[in-house]
Amino acid sequence: MLLPETVVSVGIEEAYAQLKTLLTQNNCKITVEQAPSNLKIKQGSLWGISPKTAQKIVQFQLSQSGSETQIKIDSSLSGDYMKLTFAGCIFAVALVLLCTWISLDLAGFAALQKASFWSWLVEVGGHADMQGAILLSNLTRVFAVFLLCTLALEVFVVAYVRSKLTLFAEEILKKLHSD
């Protein structure tokens, strides 16, 4: 994938100043500043689910070419965003496995009417509630399916965000070019 870049018809000092102003107006946090050749920012939120709102790191590299300035961009999802996404997926997988185990165990308990690992969940006053076992088995199965759908959606969101990761930077370059 080609990274976005542009050439502006101003000197590197002016291009850097304009770029920095645009970024601060767009609520970007400057993390590295090496005037006038390099600017690294953090933009977006850990909870963002679109290419514009997901937390990312964008590096702008400026180089003088005669009376013009070339600006190249490199974008990546922030480490914090990826860690949170990964941790959420691991937690969801663990819950899916737990819910599947509970569901299968209680379904087996209801069918065989023999005590099982999770059968204590449906004991009322020392007696097993078979209706409760079936209900809880179905409920945990539905929850496991819900979590699997959520995981699939999360994978889709991350893939989509990664495919359009440079969208924010491209918009900044367009604004810079139009100024």
Protein backbone atom coordinates (compact mmCIF):
# COMPACT_ATOMS: atom_id res chain seq x y z
CA MET A 1 0.00 0.00 0.00
CA LEU A 2 1.35 3.40 -0.97
CA LEU A 3 1.59 5.81 1.92
CA PRO A 4 0.07 9.23 1.39
CA GLU A 5 2.33 12.08 0.54
CA THR A 6 2.01 15.54 -0.90
CA VAL A 7 4.08 18.44 -2.06
CA VAL A 8 3.21 21.95 -0.88
CA SER A 9 4.54 25.07 -2.53
CA VAL A 10 5.97 26.64 0.62
CA GLY A 11 9.25 26.27 2.44
CA ILE A 12 9.78 23.57 5.03
CA GLU A 13 9.54 25.95 8.01
CA GLU A 14 6.17 27.33 6.90
CA ALA A 15 4.85 23.87 5.94
CA TYR A 16 5.87 22.56 9.38
CA ALA A 17 4.12 25.44 11.15
CA GLN A 18 0.94 25.00 9.10
CA LEU A 19 0.96 21.24 9.67
CA LYS A 20 1.46 21.61 13.42
CA THR A 21 -1.41 24.13 13.60
CA LEU A 22 -3.74 21.81 11.67
CA LEU A 23 -2.88 18.87 13.91
CA THR A 24 -3.44 20.76 17.15
CA GLN A 25 -6.77 22.08 15.79
CA ASN A 26 -7.77 18.44 15.21
CA ASN A 27 -7.06 17.42 18.84
CA CYS A 28 -3.87 15.54 18.08
CA LYS A 29 -1.32 14.96 20.81
CA ILE A 30 2.19 15.67 19.60
CA THR A 31 4.50 12.93 20.90
CA VAL A 32 7.71 13.69 18.99
CA GLU A 33 8.69 17.02 17.51
CA GLN A 34 11.88 17.53 15.53
CA ALA A 35 11.26 20.83 13.79
CA PRO A 36 11.08 21.25 10.87
CA SER A 37 11.57 17.72 9.54
CA ASN A 38 9.56 15.35 11.71
CA LEU A 39 6.32 15.43 13.65
CA LYS A 40 4.79 12.39 15.34
CA ILE A 41 1.31 12.50 16.80
CA LYS A 42 -1.22 10.33 18.59
CA GLN A 43 -4.78 10.76 17.36
CA GLY A 44 -8.09 9.09 18.15
CA SER A 45 -9.48 7.11 21.05
CA LEU A 46 -8.87 3.67 22.52
CA TRP A 47 -12.60 3.09 22.05
CA GLY A 48 -12.69 4.29 18.42
CA ILE A 49 -14.14 1.90 15.87
CA SER A 50 -13.60 3.79 12.64
CA PRO A 51 -10.43 4.75 10.75
CA LYS A 52 -10.83 8.36 11.91
CA THR A 53 -11.64 7.63 15.57
CA ALA A 54 -9.39 4.64 16.38
CA GLN A 55 -6.24 5.59 18.26
CA LYS A 56 -3.30 5.73 15.92
CA ILE A 57 0.24 7.02 15.66
CA VAL A 58 0.97 9.17 12.62
CA GLN A 59 4.41 10.35 11.64
CA PHE A 60 4.85 13.24 9.23
CA GLN A 61 8.26 13.55 7.56
CA LEU A 62 9.00 16.80 5.79
CA SER A 63 11.82 17.38 3.33
CA GLN A 64 12.75 20.51 1.38
CA SER A 65 12.87 20.22 -2.40
CA GLY A 66 13.79 23.57 -3.88
CA SER A 67 11.07 26.04 -2.91
CA GLU A 68 8.61 23.23 -2.17
CA THR A 69 8.22 20.82 0.73
CA GLN A 70 7.46 17.14 0.38
CA ILE A 71 5.47 15.57 3.23
CA LYS A 72 5.35 11.80 3.69
CA ILE A 73 3.14 10.00 6.18
CA ASP A 74 3.40 6.75 8.10
CA SER A 75 0.36 5.58 10.13
CA SER A 76 -0.10 2.68 12.53
CA LEU A 77 -2.57 1.69 15.21
CA SER A 78 -1.29 2.63 18.65
CA GLY A 79 0.15 -0.06 20.87
CA ASP A 80 -2.43 0.73 23.56
CA TYR A 81 -5.28 0.28 21.06
CA MET A 82 -3.91 -3.08 19.92
CA LYS A 83 -3.29 -4.27 23.50
CA LEU A 84 -6.83 -3.36 24.55
CA THR A 85 -8.29 -5.06 21.48
CA PHE A 86 -6.20 -8.19 22.05
CA ALA A 87 -7.04 -8.33 25.77
CA GLY A 88 -10.75 -7.92 25.00
CA CYS A 89 -10.63 -10.74 22.45
CA ILE A 90 -8.79 -13.06 24.86
CA PHE A 91 -11.32 -12.29 27.59
CA ALA A 92 -14.22 -12.94 25.20
CA VAL A 93 -12.73 -16.26 24.05
CA ALA A 94 -12.32 -17.33 27.68
CA LEU A 95 -15.96 -16.42 28.38
CA VAL A 96 -17.13 -18.28 25.25
CA LEU A 97 -15.30 -21.40 26.42
CA LEU A 98 -16.69 -21.08 29.94
CA CYS A 99 -20.25 -20.52 28.70
CA THR A 100 -19.98 -23.44 26.28
CA TRP A 101 -18.73 -25.70 29.07
CA ILE A 102 -21.54 -24.63 31.43
CA SER A 103 -24.14 -25.02 28.69
CA LEU A 104 -23.01 -28.51 27.68
CA ASP A 105 -22.60 -29.61 31.30
CA LEU A 106 -26.09 -28.46 32.29
CA ALA A 107 -27.66 -29.95 29.15
CA GLY A 108 -26.02 -33.27 30.03
CA PHE A 109 -27.19 -32.93 33.62
CA ALA A 110 -30.79 -32.32 32.48
CA ALA A 111 -30.67 -35.28 30.10
CA LEU A 112 -28.97 -37.81 32.41
CA GLN A 113 -30.15 -36.38 35.74
CA LYS A 114 -26.76 -37.14 37.30
CA ALA A 115 -24.83 -34.56 39.28
CA SER A 116 -22.25 -32.73 37.23
CA PHE A 117 -19.66 -30.00 37.78
CA TRP A 118 -22.12 -27.13 37.23
CA SER A 119 -25.32 -28.81 38.46
CA TRP A 120 -25.03 -26.98 41.80
CA LEU A 121 -26.11 -23.84 39.92
CA VAL A 122 -29.64 -25.22 39.55
CA GLU A 123 -30.10 -26.78 42.97
CA VAL A 124 -32.90 -25.26 45.01
CA GLY A 125 -33.28 -26.43 48.60
CA GLY A 126 -31.21 -29.57 47.96
CA HIS A 127 -33.27 -30.58 44.89
CA ALA A 128 -32.24 -30.21 41.26
CA ASP A 129 -34.40 -27.96 39.10
CA MET A 130 -34.38 -29.56 35.64
CA GLN A 131 -36.33 -26.67 34.10
CA GLY A 132 -33.72 -24.31 35.52
CA ALA A 133 -30.91 -26.50 34.13
CA ILE A 134 -32.39 -26.36 30.63
CA LEU A 135 -33.04 -22.63 30.91
CA LEU A 136 -29.52 -21.86 32.16
CA SER A 137 -28.02 -24.16 29.52
CA ASN A 138 -29.89 -22.26 26.79
CA LEU A 139 -29.04 -18.90 28.30
CA THR A 140 -25.29 -19.62 28.46
CA ARG A 141 -25.41 -20.98 24.89
CA VAL A 142 -27.04 -17.75 23.68
CA PHE A 143 -24.44 -15.71 25.56
CA ALA A 144 -21.63 -17.75 23.95
CA VAL A 145 -23.10 -17.12 20.48
CA PHE A 146 -23.44 -13.40 21.30
CA LEU A 147 -19.78 -13.28 22.35
CA LEU A 148 -18.71 -15.09 19.17
CA CYS A 149 -20.62 -12.54 17.08
CA THR A 150 -18.94 -9.76 19.04
CA LEU A 151 -15.53 -11.31 18.37
CA ALA A 152 -16.29 -11.56 14.65
CA LEU A 153 -17.37 -7.93 14.65
CA GLU A 154 -14.18 -6.90 16.46
CA VAL A 155 -12.05 -8.72 13.88
CA PHE A 156 -14.00 -6.96 11.11
CA VAL A 157 -13.59 -3.55 12.79
CA VAL A 158 -9.81 -3.96 13.21
CA ALA A 159 -9.40 -5.19 9.62
CA TYR A 160 -11.48 -2.27 8.32
CA VAL A 161 -9.64 0.29 10.44
CA ARG A 162 -6.27 -1.09 9.30
CA SER A 163 -7.31 -0.97 5.64
CA LYS A 164 -8.23 2.72 5.89
CA LEU A 165 -5.69 3.76 8.52
CA THR A 166 -4.28 6.65 6.49
CA LEU A 167 -7.67 8.34 6.04
CA PHE A 168 -7.11 10.90 8.82
CA ALA A 169 -3.61 11.76 7.57
CA GLU A 170 -4.88 12.11 3.99
CA GLU A 171 -7.51 14.60 5.16
CA ILE A 172 -4.83 16.60 6.98
CA LEU A 173 -2.72 16.65 3.82
CA LYS A 174 -5.70 17.85 1.76
CA LYS A 175 -6.36 20.67 4.24
CA LEU A 176 -2.69 21.58 4.22
CA HIS A 177 -2.63 21.58 0.43
CA SER A 178 -5.71 23.82 0.23
CA ASP A 179 -4.32 26.43 2.68
